[in-house]
Amino acid sequence: MTKTLFAAAAASLLAVGAASAQTTPAPAPATGHEHHADHHAARPTIDSTIEALVADPATKAVLDKHLPGIDRHPAYAQFKGMTLRQVAPFSQGHITDEKIAAIDADLKALPAA
């Protein structure tokens, strides 16, 4: 009898749990942009992928100044999804900390898109 009573109590708790599940719809996500920066105006940064830097004409000009032809490199397809800092150890000294700092300074000097 105790087992039957326990089983009945457990079944009723499960039924209550299912019955008390959320019945009202979740609130709609916020559509305003008042809580964060205008992401449409942001340019790629030094922490963006090389592909993102090349895709923006202004940031590509900065790359071309410091690393001419990087988007024509034979291995571009392999490293375009990486950042300059990630590629630096494999660049045989072409991408140095100093060069990254100079690129970063030039990127920060660009006007917002």
PDB file of N, CA and C in Angstrom:
ATOM      1  N   MET A   1       0.819  -1.191   0.000  1.00  0.00           N
ATOM      2  CA  MET A   1       0.000   0.000   0.000  1.00  0.00           C
ATOM      3  C   MET A   1       0.865   1.259   0.000  1.00  0.00           C
ATOM      4  N   THR A   2       1.960   1.228   0.776  1.00  0.00           N
ATOM      5  CA  THR A   2       2.838   2.385   0.837  1.00  0.00           C
ATOM      6  C   THR A   2       3.435   2.668  -0.536  1.00  0.00           C
ATOM      7  N   LYS A   3       3.805   1.586  -1.241  1.00  0.00           N
ATOM      8  CA  LYS A   3       4.370   1.777  -2.585  1.00  0.00           C
ATOM      9  C   LYS A   3       3.335   2.380  -3.523  1.00  0.00           C
ATOM     10  N   THR A   4       2.098   1.946  -3.416  1.00  0.00           N
ATOM     11  CA  THR A   4       1.035   2.465  -4.263  1.00  0.00           C
ATOM     12  C   THR A   4       0.773   3.932  -3.945  1.00  0.00           C
ATOM     13  N   LEU A   5       0.754   4.252  -2.667  1.00  0.00           N
ATOM     14  CA  LEU A   5       0.544   5.634  -2.248  1.00  0.00           C
ATOM     15  C   LEU A   5       1.686   6.527  -2.731  1.00  0.00           C
ATOM     16  N   PHE A   6       2.914   6.040  -2.596  1.00  0.00           N
ATOM     17  CA  PHE A   6       4.076   6.801  -3.061  1.00  0.00           C
ATOM     18  C   PHE A   6       4.015   6.997  -4.573  1.00  0.00           C
ATOM     19  N   ALA A   7       3.657   5.942  -5.303  1.00  0.00           N
ATOM     20  CA  ALA A   7       3.562   6.034  -6.761  1.00  0.00           C
ATOM     21  C   ALA A   7       2.482   7.028  -7.159  1.00  0.00           C
ATOM     22  N   ALA A   8       1.370   7.021  -6.456  1.00  0.00           N
ATOM     23  CA  ALA A   8       0.287   7.958  -6.761  1.00  0.00           C
ATOM     24  C   ALA A   8       0.719   9.393  -6.482  1.00  0.00           C
ATOM     25  N   ALA A   9       1.435   9.593  -5.375  1.00  0.00           N
ATOM     26  CA  ALA A   9       1.917  10.936  -5.043  1.00  0.00           C
ATOM     27  C   ALA A   9       2.920  11.418  -6.083  1.00  0.00           C
ATOM     28  N   ALA A  10       3.826  10.540  -6.482  1.00  0.00           N
ATOM     29  CA  ALA A  10       4.817  10.909  -7.494  1.00  0.00           C
ATOM     30  C   ALA A  10       4.140  11.233  -8.812  1.00  0.00           C
ATOM     31  N   ALA A  11       3.151  10.440  -9.192  1.00  0.00           N
ATOM     32  CA  ALA A  11       2.437  10.686 -10.441  1.00  0.00           C
ATOM     33  C   ALA A  11       1.704  12.017 -10.396  1.00  0.00           C
ATOM     34  N   SER A  12       1.119  12.337  -9.246  1.00  0.00           N
ATOM     35  CA  SER A  12       0.404  13.609  -9.154  1.00  0.00           C
ATOM     36  C   SER A  12       1.372  14.789  -9.212  1.00  0.00           C
ATOM     37  N   LEU A  13       2.560  14.636  -8.626  1.00  0.00           N
ATOM     38  CA  LEU A  13       3.562  15.702  -8.713  1.00  0.00           C
ATOM     39  C   LEU A  13       4.016  15.905 -10.148  1.00  0.00           C
ATOM     40  N   LEU A  14       4.200  14.808 -10.875  1.00  0.00           N
ATOM     41  CA  LEU A  14       4.590  14.921 -12.280  1.00  0.00           C
ATOM     42  C   LEU A  14       3.493  15.593 -13.083  1.00  0.00           C
ATOM     43  N   ALA A  15       2.256  15.253 -12.796  1.00  0.00           N
ATOM     44  CA  ALA A  15       1.138  15.863 -13.508  1.00  0.00           C
ATOM     45  C   ALA A  15       1.065  17.356 -13.211  1.00  0.00           C
ATOM     46  N   VAL A  16       1.295  17.732 -11.957  1.00  0.00           N
ATOM     47  CA  VAL A  16       1.285  19.144 -11.588  1.00  0.00           C
ATOM     48  C   VAL A  16       2.423  19.867 -12.289  1.00  0.00           C
ATOM     49  N   GLY A  17       3.585  19.229 -12.348  1.00  0.00           N
ATOM     50  CA  GLY A  17       4.727  19.851 -13.019  1.00  0.00           C
ATOM     51  C   GLY A  17       4.425  20.130 -14.477  1.00  0.00           C
ATOM     52  N   ALA A  18       3.811  19.165 -15.148  1.00  0.00           N
ATOM     53  CA  ALA A  18       3.478  19.355 -16.553  1.00  0.00           C
ATOM     54  C   ALA A  18       2.391  20.400 -16.710  1.00  0.00           C
ATOM     55  N   ALA A  19       1.427  20.388 -15.791  1.00  0.00           N
ATOM     56  CA  ALA A  19       0.324  21.339 -15.882  1.00  0.00           C
ATOM     57  C   ALA A  19       0.779  22.756 -15.577  1.00  0.00           C
ATOM     58  N   SER A  20       1.814  22.882 -14.751  1.00  0.00           N
ATOM     59  CA  SER A  20       2.255  24.223 -14.398  1.00  0.00           C
ATOM     60  C   SER A  20       3.375  24.728 -15.300  1.00  0.00           C
ATOM     61  N   ALA A  21       3.598  24.036 -16.398  1.00  0.00           N
ATOM     62  CA  ALA A  21       4.611  24.495 -17.347  1.00  0.00           C
ATOM     63  C   ALA A  21       4.200  25.861 -17.879  1.00  0.00           C
ATOM     64  N   GLN A  22       5.137  26.577 -18.411  1.00  0.00           N
ATOM     65  CA  GLN A  22       4.869  27.932 -18.890  1.00  0.00           C
ATOM     66  C   GLN A  22       3.770  27.904 -19.938  1.00  0.00           C
ATOM     67  N   THR A  23       2.737  28.660 -19.700  1.00  0.00           N
ATOM     68  CA  THR A  23       1.630  28.720 -20.647  1.00  0.00           C
ATOM     69  C   THR A  23       1.558  30.064 -21.345  1.00  0.00           C
ATOM     70  N   THR A  24       2.237  31.054 -20.806  1.00  0.00           N
ATOM     71  CA  THR A  24       2.268  32.350 -21.469  1.00  0.00           C
ATOM     72  C   THR A  24       3.521  32.422 -22.325  1.00  0.00           C
ATOM     73  N   PRO A  25       3.441  33.067 -23.443  1.00  0.00           N
ATOM     74  CA  PRO A  25       4.628  33.145 -24.306  1.00  0.00           C
ATOM     75  C   PRO A  25       5.751  33.943 -23.648  1.00  0.00           C
ATOM     76  N   ALA A  26       6.948  33.611 -24.016  1.00  0.00           N
ATOM     77  CA  ALA A  26       8.115  34.333 -23.509  1.00  0.00           C
ATOM     78  C   ALA A  26       8.064  35.763 -24.017  1.00  0.00           C
ATOM     79  N   PRO A  27       8.614  36.698 -23.270  1.00  0.00           N
ATOM     80  CA  PRO A  27       8.615  38.085 -23.746  1.00  0.00           C
ATOM     81  C   PRO A  27       9.437  38.210 -25.025  1.00  0.00           C
ATOM     82  N   ALA A  28       9.013  39.105 -25.863  1.00  0.00           N
ATOM     83  CA  ALA A  28       9.722  39.329 -27.120  1.00  0.00           C
ATOM     84  C   ALA A  28      11.100  39.903 -26.833  1.00  0.00           C
ATOM     85  N   PRO A  29      12.094  39.528 -27.645  1.00  0.00           N
ATOM     86  CA  PRO A  29      13.427  40.091 -27.429  1.00  0.00           C
ATOM     87  C   PRO A  29      13.421  41.594 -27.703  1.00  0.00           C
ATOM     88  N   ALA A  30      14.300  42.282 -27.036  1.00  0.00           N
ATOM     89  CA  ALA A  30      14.410  43.729 -27.232  1.00  0.00           C
ATOM     90  C   ALA A  30      14.819  44.012 -28.669  1.00  0.00           C
ATOM     91  N   THR A  31      14.158  44.967 -29.276  1.00  0.00           N
ATOM     92  CA  THR A  31      14.485  45.305 -30.655  1.00  0.00           C
ATOM     93  C   THR A  31      15.284  46.590 -30.757  1.00  0.00           C
ATOM     94  N   GLY A  32      15.327  47.351 -29.688  1.00  0.00           N
ATOM     95  CA  GLY A  32      16.079  48.598 -29.702  1.00  0.00           C
ATOM     96  C   GLY A  32      17.564  48.356 -29.523  1.00  0.00           C
ATOM     97  N   HIS A  33      18.331  49.320 -29.886  1.00  0.00           N
ATOM     98  CA  HIS A  33      19.785  49.208 -29.775  1.00  0.00           C
ATOM     99  C   HIS A  33      20.330  50.176 -28.734  1.00  0.00           C
ATOM    100  N   GLU A  34      19.477  50.536 -27.784  1.00  0.00           N
ATOM    101  CA  GLU A  34      19.898  51.519 -26.795  1.00  0.00           C
ATOM    102  C   GLU A  34      20.866  50.966 -25.766  1.00  0.00           C
ATOM    103  N   HIS A  35      21.018  49.649 -25.697  1.00  0.00           N
ATOM    104  CA  HIS A  35      21.864  49.054 -24.666  1.00  0.00           C
ATOM    105  C   HIS A  35      23.267  48.697 -25.142  1.00  0.00           C
ATOM    106  N   HIS A  36      23.587  48.972 -26.377  1.00  0.00           N
ATOM    107  CA  HIS A  36      24.932  48.676 -26.866  1.00  0.00           C
ATOM    108  C   HIS A  36      25.301  49.625 -27.992  1.00  0.00           C
ATOM    109  N   ALA A  37      26.553  49.578 -28.356  1.00  0.00           N
ATOM    110  CA  ALA A  37      27.049  50.473 -29.406  1.00  0.00           C
ATOM    111  C   ALA A  37      26.412  50.121 -30.742  1.00  0.00           C
ATOM    112  N   ASP A  38      26.443  51.049 -31.651  1.00  0.00           N
ATOM    113  CA  ASP A  38      25.922  50.825 -32.996  1.00  0.00           C
ATOM    114  C   ASP A  38      26.859  49.884 -33.734  1.00  0.00           C
ATOM    115  N   HIS A  39      26.481  48.613 -33.779  1.00  0.00           N
ATOM    116  CA  HIS A  39      27.368  47.626 -34.384  1.00  0.00           C
ATOM    117  C   HIS A  39      27.484  47.787 -35.889  1.00  0.00           C
ATOM    118  N   HIS A  40      26.587  48.534 -36.506  1.00  0.00           N
ATOM    119  CA  HIS A  40      26.685  48.755 -37.942  1.00  0.00           C
ATOM    120  C   HIS A  40      27.795  49.747 -38.276  1.00  0.00           C
ATOM    121  N   ALA A  41      28.178  50.575 -37.324  1.00  0.00           N
ATOM    122  CA  ALA A  41      29.198  51.581 -37.572  1.00  0.00           C
ATOM    123  C   ALA A  41      30.596  51.094 -37.200  1.00  0.00           C
ATOM    124  N   ALA A  42      30.681  49.931 -36.610  1.00  0.00           N
ATOM    125  CA  ALA A  42      31.979  49.439 -36.146  1.00  0.00           C
ATOM    126  C   ALA A  42      32.821  48.938 -37.314  1.00  0.00           C
ATOM    127  N   ARG A  43      34.072  49.283 -37.281  1.00  0.00           N
ATOM    128  CA  ARG A  43      35.035  48.756 -38.247  1.00  0.00           C
ATOM    129  C   ARG A  43      35.723  47.560 -37.611  1.00  0.00           C
ATOM    130  N   PRO A  44      36.300  46.710 -38.442  1.00  0.00           N
ATOM    131  CA  PRO A  44      37.115  45.629 -37.880  1.00  0.00           C
ATOM    132  C   PRO A  44      38.261  46.204 -37.049  1.00  0.00           C
ATOM    133  N   THR A  45      38.705  45.448 -36.066  1.00  0.00           N
ATOM    134  CA  THR A  45      39.793  45.869 -35.183  1.00  0.00           C
ATOM    135  C   THR A  45      40.974  44.918 -35.341  1.00  0.00           C
ATOM    136  N   ILE A  46      42.021  45.177 -34.590  1.00  0.00           N
ATOM    137  CA  ILE A  46      43.202  44.321 -34.628  1.00  0.00           C
ATOM    138  C   ILE A  46      42.855  42.893 -34.209  1.00  0.00           C
ATOM    139  N   ASP A  47      41.764  42.721 -33.467  1.00  0.00           N
ATOM    140  CA  ASP A  47      41.338  41.396 -33.028  1.00  0.00           C
ATOM    141  C   ASP A  47      40.371  40.723 -33.997  1.00  0.00           C
ATOM    142  N   SER A  48      40.079  41.375 -35.108  1.00  0.00           N
ATOM    143  CA  SER A  48      39.225  40.786 -36.140  1.00  0.00           C
ATOM    144  C   SER A  48      40.043  39.819 -36.985  1.00  0.00           C
ATOM    145  N   THR A  49      39.342  38.978 -37.713  1.00  0.00           N
ATOM    146  CA  THR A  49      40.056  38.076 -38.619  1.00  0.00           C
ATOM    147  C   THR A  49      40.675  38.880 -39.758  1.00  0.00           C
ATOM    148  N   ILE A  50      41.676  38.304 -40.354  1.00  0.00           N
ATOM    149  CA  ILE A  50      42.324  38.956 -41.496  1.00  0.00           C
ATOM    150  C   ILE A  50      41.311  39.127 -42.620  1.00  0.00           C
ATOM    151  N   GLU A  51      40.450  38.150 -42.797  1.00  0.00           N
ATOM    152  CA  GLU A  51      39.414  38.234 -43.825  1.00  0.00           C
ATOM    153  C   GLU A  51      38.506  39.445 -43.596  1.00  0.00           C
ATOM    154  N   ALA A  52      38.136  39.706 -42.348  1.00  0.00           N
ATOM    155  CA  ALA A  52      37.300  40.870 -42.034  1.00  0.00           C
ATOM    156  C   ALA A  52      38.055  42.166 -42.302  1.00  0.00           C
ATOM    157  N   LEU A  53      39.334  42.194 -41.986  1.00  0.00           N
ATOM    158  CA  LEU A  53      40.144  43.389 -42.247  1.00  0.00           C
ATOM    159  C   LEU A  53      40.257  43.652 -43.743  1.00  0.00           C
ATOM    160  N   VAL A  54      40.394  42.603 -44.524  1.00  0.00           N
ATOM    161  CA  VAL A  54      40.522  42.746 -45.980  1.00  0.00           C
ATOM    162  C   VAL A  54      39.185  43.158 -46.607  1.00  0.00           C
ATOM    163  N   ALA A  55      38.072  42.738 -46.017  1.00  0.00           N
ATOM    164  CA  ALA A  55      36.752  43.020 -46.587  1.00  0.00           C
ATOM    165  C   ALA A  55      36.363  44.494 -46.497  1.00  0.00           C
ATOM    166  N   ASP A  56      36.899  45.217 -45.543  1.00  0.00           N
ATOM    167  CA  ASP A  56      36.588  46.639 -45.374  1.00  0.00           C
ATOM    168  C   ASP A  56      37.655  47.447 -46.109  1.00  0.00           C
ATOM    169  N   PRO A  57      37.277  48.282 -47.071  1.00  0.00           N
ATOM    170  CA  PRO A  57      38.278  49.017 -47.858  1.00  0.00           C
ATOM    171  C   PRO A  57      39.244  49.859 -47.018  1.00  0.00           C
ATOM    172  N   ALA A  58      38.749  50.495 -45.969  1.00  0.00           N
ATOM    173  CA  ALA A  58      39.625  51.345 -45.151  1.00  0.00           C
ATOM    174  C   ALA A  58      40.627  50.511 -44.361  1.00  0.00           C
ATOM    175  N   THR A  59      40.168  49.404 -43.779  1.00  0.00           N
ATOM    176  CA  THR A  59      41.094  48.580 -43.006  1.00  0.00           C
ATOM    177  C   THR A  59      42.021  47.790 -43.923  1.00  0.00           C
ATOM    178  N   LYS A  60      41.549  47.477 -45.130  1.00  0.00           N
ATOM    179  CA  LYS A  60      42.426  46.812 -46.103  1.00  0.00           C
ATOM    180  C   LYS A  60      43.572  47.740 -46.495  1.00  0.00           C
ATOM    181  N   ALA A  61      43.288  49.032 -46.618  1.00  0.00           N
ATOM    182  CA  ALA A  61      44.345  49.992 -46.944  1.00  0.00           C
ATOM    183  C   ALA A  61      45.411  50.012 -45.848  1.00  0.00           C
ATOM    184  N   VAL A  62      44.989  49.884 -44.593  1.00  0.00           N
ATOM    185  CA  VAL A  62      45.952  49.823 -43.482  1.00  0.00           C
ATOM    186  C   VAL A  62      46.798  48.557 -43.606  1.00  0.00           C
ATOM    187  N   LEU A  63      46.151  47.427 -43.880  1.00  0.00           N
ATOM    188  CA  LEU A  63      46.910  46.183 -44.056  1.00  0.00           C
ATOM    189  C   LEU A  63      47.891  46.300 -45.215  1.00  0.00           C
ATOM    190  N   ASP A  64      47.427  46.873 -46.325  1.00  0.00           N
ATOM    191  CA  ASP A  64      48.304  47.015 -47.495  1.00  0.00           C
ATOM    192  C   ASP A  64      49.505  47.907 -47.195  1.00  0.00           C
ATOM    193  N   LYS A  65      49.324  48.880 -46.320  1.00  0.00           N
ATOM    194  CA  LYS A  65      50.431  49.763 -45.935  1.00  0.00           C
ATOM    195  C   LYS A  65      51.511  48.984 -45.185  1.00  0.00           C
ATOM    196  N   HIS A  66      51.096  48.124 -44.281  1.00  0.00           N
ATOM    197  CA  HIS A  66      52.044  47.414 -43.419  1.00  0.00           C
ATOM    198  C   HIS A  66      52.398  46.012 -43.915  1.00  0.00           C
ATOM    199  N   LEU A  67      51.467  45.366 -44.584  1.00  0.00           N
ATOM    200  CA  LEU A  67      51.671  43.996 -45.072  1.00  0.00           C
ATOM    201  C   LEU A  67      51.158  43.902 -46.508  1.00  0.00           C
ATOM    202  N   PRO A  68      51.858  44.554 -47.440  1.00  0.00           N
ATOM    203  CA  PRO A  68      51.364  44.610 -48.818  1.00  0.00           C
ATOM    204  C   PRO A  68      51.123  43.211 -49.395  1.00  0.00           C
ATOM    205  N   GLY A  69      49.964  43.058 -50.023  1.00  0.00           N
ATOM    206  CA  GLY A  69      49.646  41.810 -50.712  1.00  0.00           C
ATOM    207  C   GLY A  69      49.263  40.647 -49.816  1.00  0.00           C
ATOM    208  N   ILE A  70      48.949  40.911 -48.564  1.00  0.00           N
ATOM    209  CA  ILE A  70      48.620  39.801 -47.662  1.00  0.00           C
ATOM    210  C   ILE A  70      47.449  38.979 -48.200  1.00  0.00           C
ATOM    211  N   ASP A  71      46.500  39.632 -48.869  1.00  0.00           N
ATOM    212  CA  ASP A  71      45.344  38.908 -49.397  1.00  0.00           C
ATOM    213  C   ASP A  71      45.662  38.142 -50.679  1.00  0.00           C
ATOM    214  N   ARG A  72      46.866  38.292 -51.188  1.00  0.00           N
ATOM    215  CA  ARG A  72      47.298  37.535 -52.373  1.00  0.00           C
ATOM    216  C   ARG A  72      48.324  36.463 -52.013  1.00  0.00           C
ATOM    217  N   HIS A  73      48.580  36.304 -50.734  1.00  0.00           N
ATOM    218  CA  HIS A  73      49.542  35.298 -50.271  1.00  0.00           C
ATOM    219  C   HIS A  73      49.032  33.910 -50.663  1.00  0.00           C
ATOM    220  N   PRO A  74      49.919  33.001 -51.084  1.00  0.00           N
ATOM    221  CA  PRO A  74      49.478  31.660 -51.487  1.00  0.00           C
ATOM    222  C   PRO A  74      48.705  30.907 -50.395  1.00  0.00           C
ATOM    223  N   ALA A  75      48.966  31.199 -49.142  1.00  0.00           N
ATOM    224  CA  ALA A  75      48.285  30.497 -48.048  1.00  0.00           C
ATOM    225  C   ALA A  75      47.127  31.310 -47.465  1.00  0.00           C
ATOM    226  N   TYR A  76      46.700  32.358 -48.153  1.00  0.00           N
ATOM    227  CA  TYR A  76      45.643  33.228 -47.626  1.00  0.00           C
ATOM    228  C   TYR A  76      44.404  32.432 -47.202  1.00  0.00           C
ATOM    229  N   ALA A  77      43.992  31.478 -48.001  1.00  0.00           N
ATOM    230  CA  ALA A  77      42.797  30.685 -47.671  1.00  0.00           C
ATOM    231  C   ALA A  77      42.955  29.958 -46.336  1.00  0.00           C
ATOM    232  N   GLN A  78      44.184  29.595 -45.995  1.00  0.00           N
ATOM    233  CA  GLN A  78      44.416  28.877 -44.744  1.00  0.00           C
ATOM    234  C   GLN A  78      44.430  29.804 -43.527  1.00  0.00           C
ATOM    235  N   PHE A  79      44.875  31.051 -43.693  1.00  0.00           N
ATOM    236  CA  PHE A  79      45.000  31.922 -42.514  1.00  0.00           C
ATOM    237  C   PHE A  79      43.999  33.067 -42.461  1.00  0.00           C
ATOM    238  N   LYS A  80      43.146  33.212 -43.451  1.00  0.00           N
ATOM    239  CA  LYS A  80      42.223  34.351 -43.469  1.00  0.00           C
ATOM    240  C   LYS A  80      41.242  34.351 -42.298  1.00  0.00           C
ATOM    241  N   GLY A  81      40.961  33.219 -41.719  1.00  0.00           N
ATOM    242  CA  GLY A  81      40.058  33.139 -40.580  1.00  0.00           C
ATOM    243  C   GLY A  81      40.741  33.384 -39.247  1.00  0.00           C
ATOM    244  N   MET A  82      42.022  33.714 -39.276  1.00  0.00           N
ATOM    245  CA  MET A  82      42.798  33.954 -38.057  1.00  0.00           C
ATOM    246  C   MET A  82      43.044  35.451 -37.888  1.00  0.00           C
ATOM    247  N   THR A  83      43.441  35.847 -36.691  1.00  0.00           N
ATOM    248  CA  THR A  83      43.829  37.236 -36.451  1.00  0.00           C
ATOM    249  C   THR A  83      45.320  37.381 -36.756  1.00  0.00           C
ATOM    250  N   LEU A  84      45.774  38.617 -36.845  1.00  0.00           N
ATOM    251  CA  LEU A  84      47.202  38.846 -37.080  1.00  0.00           C
ATOM    252  C   LEU A  84      48.041  38.264 -35.948  1.00  0.00           C
ATOM    253  N   ARG A  85      47.557  38.387 -34.723  1.00  0.00           N
ATOM    254  CA  ARG A  85      48.305  37.822 -33.581  1.00  0.00           C
ATOM    255  C   ARG A  85      48.407  36.301 -33.674  1.00  0.00           C
ATOM    256  N   GLN A  86      47.379  35.668 -34.184  1.00  0.00           N
ATOM    257  CA  GLN A  86      47.403  34.216 -34.325  1.00  0.00           C
ATOM    258  C   GLN A  86      48.348  33.770 -35.437  1.00  0.00           C
ATOM    259  N   VAL A  87      48.442  34.554 -36.488  1.00  0.00           N
ATOM    260  CA  VAL A  87      49.289  34.200 -37.629  1.00  0.00           C
ATOM    261  C   VAL A  87      50.756  34.539 -37.372  1.00  0.00           C
ATOM    262  N   ALA A  88      51.016  35.526 -36.531  1.00  0.00           N
ATOM    263  CA  ALA A  88      52.380  36.021 -36.302  1.00  0.00           C
ATOM    264  C   ALA A  88      53.410  34.920 -36.049  1.00  0.00           C
ATOM    265  N   PRO A  89      53.152  33.940 -35.194  1.00  0.00           N
ATOM    266  CA  PRO A  89      54.184  32.923 -34.941  1.00  0.00           C
ATOM    267  C   PRO A  89      54.553  32.093 -36.175  1.00  0.00           C
ATOM    268  N   PHE A  90      53.688  32.075 -37.166  1.00  0.00           N
ATOM    269  CA  PHE A  90      53.925  31.280 -38.373  1.00  0.00           C
ATOM    270  C   PHE A  90      54.410  32.131 -39.544  1.00  0.00           C
ATOM    271  N   SER A  91      54.635  33.427 -39.315  1.00  0.00           N
ATOM    272  CA  SER A  91      54.914  34.362 -40.410  1.00  0.00           C
ATOM    273  C   SER A  91      56.398  34.536 -40.716  1.00  0.00           C
ATOM    274  N   GLN A  92      57.229  33.752 -40.098  1.00  0.00           N
ATOM    275  CA  GLN A  92      58.682  33.827 -40.313  1.00  0.00           C
ATOM    276  C   GLN A  92      59.208  35.246 -40.091  1.00  0.00           C
ATOM    277  N   GLY A  93      58.661  35.905 -39.072  1.00  0.00           N
ATOM    278  CA  GLY A  93      59.137  37.233 -38.708  1.00  0.00           C
ATOM    279  C   GLY A  93      58.524  38.380 -39.480  1.00  0.00           C
ATOM    280  N   HIS A  94      57.603  38.111 -40.390  1.00  0.00           N
ATOM    281  CA  HIS A  94      56.988  39.191 -41.173  1.00  0.00           C
ATOM    282  C   HIS A  94      55.937  39.960 -40.372  1.00  0.00           C
ATOM    283  N   ILE A  95      55.266  39.274 -39.454  1.00  0.00           N
ATOM    284  CA  ILE A  95      54.261  39.937 -38.620  1.00  0.00           C
ATOM    285  C   ILE A  95      54.813  39.966 -37.200  1.00  0.00           C
ATOM    286  N   THR A  96      55.356  41.103 -36.831  1.00  0.00           N
ATOM    287  CA  THR A  96      55.982  41.273 -35.514  1.00  0.00           C
ATOM    288  C   THR A  96      55.021  41.984 -34.564  1.00  0.00           C
ATOM    289  N   ASP A  97      55.364  41.977 -33.289  1.00  0.00           N
ATOM    290  CA  ASP A  97      54.562  42.721 -32.308  1.00  0.00           C
ATOM    291  C   ASP A  97      54.547  44.208 -32.646  1.00  0.00           C
ATOM    292  N   GLU A  98      55.674  44.719 -33.123  1.00  0.00           N
ATOM    293  CA  GLU A  98      55.758  46.137 -33.491  1.00  0.00           C
ATOM    294  C   GLU A  98      54.842  46.445 -34.673  1.00  0.00           C
ATOM    295  N   LYS A  99      54.817  45.544 -35.653  1.00  0.00           N
ATOM    296  CA  LYS A  99      53.965  45.756 -36.819  1.00  0.00           C
ATOM    297  C   LYS A  99      52.494  45.674 -36.415  1.00  0.00           C
ATOM    298  N   ILE A 100      52.170  44.738 -35.542  1.00  0.00           N
ATOM    299  CA  ILE A 100      50.791  44.626 -35.062  1.00  0.00           C
ATOM    300  C   ILE A 100      50.390  45.899 -34.317  1.00  0.00           C
ATOM    301  N   ALA A 101      51.282  46.437 -33.504  1.00  0.00           N
ATOM    302  CA  ALA A 101      50.996  47.679 -32.773  1.00  0.00           C
ATOM    303  C   ALA A 101      50.787  48.842 -33.739  1.00  0.00           C
ATOM    304  N   ALA A 102      51.584  48.909 -34.796  1.00  0.00           N
ATOM    305  CA  ALA A 102      51.440  49.986 -35.782  1.00  0.00           C
ATOM    306  C   ALA A 102      50.120  49.848 -36.542  1.00  0.00           C
ATOM    307  N   ILE A 103      49.766  48.630 -36.911  1.00  0.00           N
ATOM    308  CA  ILE A 103      48.490  48.395 -37.596  1.00  0.00           C
ATOM    309  C   ILE A 103      47.339  48.768 -36.666  1.00  0.00           C
ATOM    310  N   ASP A 104      47.438  48.364 -35.416  1.00  0.00           N
ATOM    311  CA  ASP A 104      46.401  48.678 -34.432  1.00  0.00           C
ATOM    312  C   ASP A 104      46.226  50.188 -34.299  1.00  0.00           C
ATOM    313  N   ALA A 105      47.315  50.921 -34.222  1.00  0.00           N
ATOM    314  CA  ALA A 105      47.238  52.386 -34.103  1.00  0.00           C
ATOM    315  C   ALA A 105      46.563  52.992 -35.327  1.00  0.00           C
ATOM    316  N   ASP A 106      46.924  52.510 -36.515  1.00  0.00           N
ATOM    317  CA  ASP A 106      46.303  53.032 -37.740  1.00  0.00           C
ATOM    318  C   ASP A 106      44.819  52.670 -37.810  1.00  0.00           C
ATOM    319  N   LEU A 107      44.461  51.467 -37.372  1.00  0.00           N
ATOM    320  CA  LEU A 107      43.049  51.071 -37.376  1.00  0.00           C
ATOM    321  C   LEU A 107      42.242  51.947 -36.424  1.00  0.00           C
ATOM    322  N   LYS A 108      42.802  52.226 -35.258  1.00  0.00           N
ATOM    323  CA  LYS A 108      42.103  53.060 -34.275  1.00  0.00           C
ATOM    324  C   LYS A 108      41.956  54.501 -34.753  1.00  0.00           C
ATOM    325  N   ALA A 109      42.828  54.937 -35.647  1.00  0.00           N
ATOM    326  CA  ALA A 109      42.766  56.306 -36.162  1.00  0.00           C
ATOM    327  C   ALA A 109      41.717  56.469 -37.264  1.00  0.00           C
ATOM    328  N   LEU A 110      41.188  55.361 -37.776  1.00  0.00           N
ATOM    329  CA  LEU A 110      40.186  55.444 -38.843  1.00  0.00           C
ATOM    330  C   LEU A 110      38.867  55.978 -38.294  1.00  0.00           C
ATOM    331  N   PRO A 111      38.142  56.746 -39.107  1.00  0.00           N
ATOM    332  CA  PRO A 111      36.811  57.181 -38.669  1.00  0.00           C
ATOM    333  C   PRO A 111      35.855  55.988 -38.651  1.00  0.00           C
ATOM    334  N   ALA A 112      34.786  56.103 -37.882  1.00  0.00           N
ATOM    335  CA  ALA A 112      33.779  55.034 -37.842  1.00  0.00           C
ATOM    336  C   ALA A 112      33.186  54.859 -39.232  1.00  0.00           C
ATOM    337  N   ALA A 113      32.774  53.667 -39.513  1.00  0.00           N
ATOM    338  CA  ALA A 113      32.210  53.366 -40.845  1.00  0.00           C
ATOM    339  C   ALA A 113      30.883  54.053 -41.039  1.00  0.00           C
TER     340      ALA A 113
END
